[in-house]
Amino acid sequence: MTLQGSTIDVRFPGGKRVDAVVGGQVVHTDQTEAHGGGGTAPEPFDLFLASLATCAGLYVLVFCQARGIPTDELRLVQEQVVEEGKLARVRLEVHLPADFPAKYVDAVRAAASGCRVKKTLLEPPQVEVVAVPASPAVPVG
């Protein structure tokens, strides 16, 4: 598994932008103008929500590809409800084309439900936050 023992390195390029280096690729975030940013990239919480939708989408895609089912008219729509500043509900809708094989309707829903991000939300990990002070400079010589 790719993530075992992995790290994500976060940098602050200016303004309200926060970038994360993940596996050699940079994921950019920013705040909307309404939140004091430049609106140049999604906000971090939006990326969190997108990770759920795209993970479920990947499971649906792989399911269909394994069975030779075309995906050009297939869509996944995610709706979320925030109540009192907290994510209260998420609904994932797999929109199937008219010619989608009826025998796979329940199975494709189950495939989307198998998403690793969803499973992690259902059994969240422990999150520990620590501050690591810089080591004092050691004199040379």
C-alpha atoms as a PDB file:
ATOM      1  CA  MET A   1       0.000   0.000   0.000  1.00  0.00           C
ATOM      2  CA  THR A   2       1.396   3.374  -0.990  1.00  0.00           C
ATOM      3  CA  LEU A   3       0.469   5.307   2.141  1.00  0.00           C
ATOM      4  CA  GLN A   4       2.015   3.024   4.748  1.00  0.00           C
ATOM      5  CA  GLY A   5       4.744   5.007   6.457  1.00  0.00           C
ATOM      6  CA  SER A   6       4.367   7.887   4.017  1.00  0.00           C
ATOM      7  CA  THR A   7       4.585  11.583   4.733  1.00  0.00           C
ATOM      8  CA  ILE A   8       2.966  14.651   3.244  1.00  0.00           C
ATOM      9  CA  ASP A   9       5.114  17.781   3.320  1.00  0.00           C
ATOM     10  CA  VAL A  10       3.135  21.030   3.656  1.00  0.00           C
ATOM     11  CA  ARG A  11       4.503  24.411   2.503  1.00  0.00           C
ATOM     12  CA  PHE A  12       3.177  27.974   2.691  1.00  0.00           C
ATOM     13  CA  PRO A  13       3.826  29.795  -0.616  1.00  0.00           C
ATOM     14  CA  GLY A  14       2.120  33.045   0.436  1.00  0.00           C
ATOM     15  CA  GLY A  15      -1.256  34.558   1.060  1.00  0.00           C
ATOM     16  CA  LYS A  16      -3.750  31.945   2.210  1.00  0.00           C
ATOM     17  CA  ARG A  17      -2.249  29.283  -0.044  1.00  0.00           C
ATOM     18  CA  VAL A  18      -1.119  26.002   1.463  1.00  0.00           C
ATOM     19  CA  ASP A  19       0.534  23.357  -0.712  1.00  0.00           C
ATOM     20  CA  ALA A  20       1.060  19.678   0.061  1.00  0.00           C
ATOM     21  CA  VAL A  21       3.709  17.544  -1.591  1.00  0.00           C
ATOM     22  CA  VAL A  22       2.254  14.050  -1.942  1.00  0.00           C
ATOM     23  CA  GLY A  23       4.290  11.350  -3.622  1.00  0.00           C
ATOM     24  CA  GLY A  24       6.314  13.924  -5.562  1.00  0.00           C
ATOM     25  CA  GLN A  25       3.240  15.827  -6.770  1.00  0.00           C
ATOM     26  CA  VAL A  26       2.021  19.147  -5.412  1.00  0.00           C
ATOM     27  CA  VAL A  27      -1.579  19.621  -4.318  1.00  0.00           C
ATOM     28  CA  HIS A  28      -2.444  23.315  -4.190  1.00  0.00           C
ATOM     29  CA  THR A  29      -5.049  24.834  -1.895  1.00  0.00           C
ATOM     30  CA  ASP A  30      -6.194  28.401  -1.324  1.00  0.00           C
ATOM     31  CA  GLN A  31      -9.054  30.133   0.379  1.00  0.00           C
ATOM     32  CA  THR A  32     -11.843  31.811  -1.549  1.00  0.00           C
ATOM     33  CA  GLU A  33     -11.742  35.577  -1.799  1.00  0.00           C
ATOM     34  CA  ALA A  34     -14.581  35.673   0.742  1.00  0.00           C
ATOM     35  CA  HIS A  35     -12.257  33.881   3.186  1.00  0.00           C
ATOM     36  CA  GLY A  36      -9.280  36.176   2.520  1.00  0.00           C
ATOM     37  CA  GLY A  37      -7.548  34.139  -0.179  1.00  0.00           C
ATOM     38  CA  GLY A  38      -7.063  34.521  -3.888  1.00  0.00           C
ATOM     39  CA  GLY A  39      -9.429  31.756  -4.953  1.00  0.00           C
ATOM     40  CA  THR A  40      -6.652  30.159  -7.033  1.00  0.00           C
ATOM     41  CA  ALA A  41      -7.292  26.586  -5.864  1.00  0.00           C
ATOM     42  CA  PRO A  42      -9.853  24.589  -3.874  1.00  0.00           C
ATOM     43  CA  GLU A  43     -10.070  25.088  -0.136  1.00  0.00           C
ATOM     44  CA  PRO A  44      -8.675  22.172   1.917  1.00  0.00           C
ATOM     45  CA  PHE A  45     -12.135  21.055   3.085  1.00  0.00           C
ATOM     46  CA  ASP A  46     -13.324  20.968  -0.522  1.00  0.00           C
ATOM     47  CA  LEU A  47     -10.407  18.655  -1.347  1.00  0.00           C
ATOM     48  CA  PHE A  48     -11.407  16.443   1.563  1.00  0.00           C
ATOM     49  CA  LEU A  49     -14.922  16.186   0.126  1.00  0.00           C
ATOM     50  CA  ALA A  50     -13.553  15.646  -3.384  1.00  0.00           C
ATOM     51  CA  SER A  51     -11.380  12.793  -2.111  1.00  0.00           C
ATOM     52  CA  LEU A  52     -14.529  10.933  -1.064  1.00  0.00           C
ATOM     53  CA  ALA A  53     -16.276  11.547  -4.395  1.00  0.00           C
ATOM     54  CA  THR A  54     -13.263  10.667  -6.535  1.00  0.00           C
ATOM     55  CA  CYS A  55     -12.480   7.562  -4.469  1.00  0.00           C
ATOM     56  CA  ALA A  56     -16.029   6.279  -4.911  1.00  0.00           C
ATOM     57  CA  GLY A  57     -15.777   7.246  -8.581  1.00  0.00           C
ATOM     58  CA  LEU A  58     -12.603   5.212  -8.974  1.00  0.00           C
ATOM     59  CA  TYR A  59     -14.286   2.143  -7.477  1.00  0.00           C
ATOM     60  CA  VAL A  60     -17.189   2.565  -9.915  1.00  0.00           C
ATOM     61  CA  LEU A  61     -14.787   3.069 -12.830  1.00  0.00           C
ATOM     62  CA  VAL A  62     -12.759  -0.044 -12.021  1.00  0.00           C
ATOM     63  CA  PHE A  63     -15.956  -2.063 -11.567  1.00  0.00           C
ATOM     64  CA  CYS A  64     -17.213  -1.017 -15.005  1.00  0.00           C
ATOM     65  CA  GLN A  65     -13.864  -1.439 -16.744  1.00  0.00           C
ATOM     66  CA  ALA A  66     -13.518  -4.986 -15.391  1.00  0.00           C
ATOM     67  CA  ARG A  67     -16.851  -5.853 -17.016  1.00  0.00           C
ATOM     68  CA  GLY A  68     -16.389  -3.929 -20.253  1.00  0.00           C
ATOM     69  CA  ILE A  69     -19.190  -1.501 -19.367  1.00  0.00           C
ATOM     70  CA  PRO A  70     -18.772   1.893 -21.104  1.00  0.00           C
ATOM     71  CA  THR A  71     -18.365   4.814 -18.692  1.00  0.00           C
ATOM     72  CA  ASP A  72     -18.724   7.801 -21.023  1.00  0.00           C
ATOM     73  CA  GLU A  73     -22.302   8.525 -19.829  1.00  0.00           C
ATOM     74  CA  LEU A  74     -21.782   7.386 -16.250  1.00  0.00           C
ATOM     75  CA  ARG A  75     -21.582  10.085 -13.556  1.00  0.00           C
ATOM     76  CA  LEU A  76     -21.223  10.293  -9.822  1.00  0.00           C
ATOM     77  CA  VAL A  77     -22.719  13.257  -7.965  1.00  0.00           C
ATOM     78  CA  GLN A  78     -21.924  13.952  -4.340  1.00  0.00           C
ATOM     79  CA  GLU A  79     -24.079  16.208  -2.202  1.00  0.00           C
ATOM     80  CA  GLN A  80     -23.187  17.194   1.325  1.00  0.00           C
ATOM     81  CA  VAL A  81     -25.146  18.873   4.084  1.00  0.00           C
ATOM     82  CA  VAL A  82     -23.381  21.063   6.616  1.00  0.00           C
ATOM     83  CA  GLU A  83     -25.300  21.860   9.789  1.00  0.00           C
ATOM     84  CA  GLU A  84     -23.994  24.234  12.454  1.00  0.00           C
ATOM     85  CA  GLY A  85     -20.598  24.324  10.760  1.00  0.00           C
ATOM     86  CA  LYS A  86     -20.248  20.532  10.775  1.00  0.00           C
ATOM     87  CA  LEU A  87     -20.537  18.034   7.959  1.00  0.00           C
ATOM     88  CA  ALA A  88     -23.774  16.241   8.818  1.00  0.00           C
ATOM     89  CA  ARG A  89     -24.497  14.035   5.785  1.00  0.00           C
ATOM     90  CA  VAL A  90     -23.017  13.003   2.469  1.00  0.00           C
ATOM     91  CA  ARG A  91     -25.009  11.433  -0.356  1.00  0.00           C
ATOM     92  CA  LEU A  92     -23.304   9.767  -3.291  1.00  0.00           C
ATOM     93  CA  GLU A  93     -25.458   9.239  -6.364  1.00  0.00           C
ATOM     94  CA  VAL A  94     -24.230   6.989  -9.155  1.00  0.00           C
ATOM     95  CA  HIS A  95     -26.060   8.170 -12.272  1.00  0.00           C
ATOM     96  CA  LEU A  96     -26.326   5.241 -14.648  1.00  0.00           C
ATOM     97  CA  PRO A  97     -26.904   5.543 -18.390  1.00  0.00           C
ATOM     98  CA  ALA A  98     -30.126   4.110 -19.842  1.00  0.00           C
ATOM     99  CA  ASP A  99     -28.284   1.108 -21.294  1.00  0.00           C
ATOM    100  CA  PHE A 100     -26.506   0.192 -18.043  1.00  0.00           C
ATOM    101  CA  PRO A 101     -26.920  -3.574 -17.438  1.00  0.00           C
ATOM    102  CA  ALA A 102     -29.715  -4.039 -14.869  1.00  0.00           C
ATOM    103  CA  LYS A 103     -27.967  -7.055 -13.351  1.00  0.00           C
ATOM    104  CA  TYR A 104     -25.117  -4.770 -12.164  1.00  0.00           C
ATOM    105  CA  VAL A 105     -27.112  -1.926 -10.562  1.00  0.00           C
ATOM    106  CA  ASP A 106     -26.808  -3.224  -6.992  1.00  0.00           C
ATOM    107  CA  ALA A 107     -23.226  -4.305  -7.558  1.00  0.00           C
ATOM    108  CA  VAL A 108     -22.078  -0.909  -8.838  1.00  0.00           C
ATOM    109  CA  ARG A 109     -23.674   0.752  -5.806  1.00  0.00           C
ATOM    110  CA  ALA A 110     -21.812  -1.718  -3.596  1.00  0.00           C
ATOM    111  CA  ALA A 111     -18.592  -0.944  -5.458  1.00  0.00           C
ATOM    112  CA  ALA A 112     -18.971   2.780  -4.726  1.00  0.00           C
ATOM    113  CA  SER A 113     -19.712   1.931  -1.080  1.00  0.00           C
ATOM    114  CA  GLY A 114     -16.427   0.031  -0.851  1.00  0.00           C
ATOM    115  CA  CYS A 115     -14.394   3.212  -1.268  1.00  0.00           C
ATOM    116  CA  ARG A 116     -11.418   3.381   1.096  1.00  0.00           C
ATOM    117  CA  VAL A 117     -12.053   7.033   1.981  1.00  0.00           C
ATOM    118  CA  LYS A 118     -15.632   6.201   3.002  1.00  0.00           C
ATOM    119  CA  LYS A 119     -14.424   3.280   5.106  1.00  0.00           C
ATOM    120  CA  THR A 120     -11.894   5.555   6.808  1.00  0.00           C
ATOM    121  CA  LEU A 121     -14.624   8.070   7.637  1.00  0.00           C
ATOM    122  CA  LEU A 122     -16.687   5.299   9.199  1.00  0.00           C
ATOM    123  CA  GLU A 123     -13.730   4.185  11.347  1.00  0.00           C
ATOM    124  CA  PRO A 124     -11.628   7.342  11.712  1.00  0.00           C
ATOM    125  CA  PRO A 125      -7.967   7.103  12.643  1.00  0.00           C
ATOM    126  CA  GLN A 126      -6.459   8.699  15.690  1.00  0.00           C
ATOM    127  CA  VAL A 127      -4.996  12.096  14.752  1.00  0.00           C
ATOM    128  CA  GLU A 128      -2.119  13.442  16.816  1.00  0.00           C
ATOM    129  CA  VAL A 129      -0.848  17.009  16.482  1.00  0.00           C
ATOM    130  CA  VAL A 130       2.584  17.886  17.891  1.00  0.00           C
ATOM    131  CA  ALA A 131       4.775  20.982  17.656  1.00  0.00           C
ATOM    132  CA  VAL A 132       8.426  20.274  16.880  1.00  0.00           C
ATOM    133  CA  PRO A 133      10.744  23.148  17.867  1.00  0.00           C
ATOM    134  CA  ALA A 134      13.796  23.770  15.739  1.00  0.00           C
ATOM    135  CA  SER A 135      17.057  22.430  17.138  1.00  0.00           C
ATOM    136  CA  PRO A 136      19.514  25.142  18.214  1.00  0.00           C
ATOM    137  CA  ALA A 137      22.341  25.705  15.789  1.00  0.00           C
ATOM    138  CA  VAL A 138      25.489  23.817  16.666  1.00  0.00           C
ATOM    139  CA  PRO A 139      28.623  25.995  16.406  1.00  0.00           C
ATOM    140  CA  VAL A 140      31.124  24.771  13.842  1.00  0.00           C
ATOM    141  CA  GLY A 141      34.802  24.644  14.763  1.00  0.00           C
END
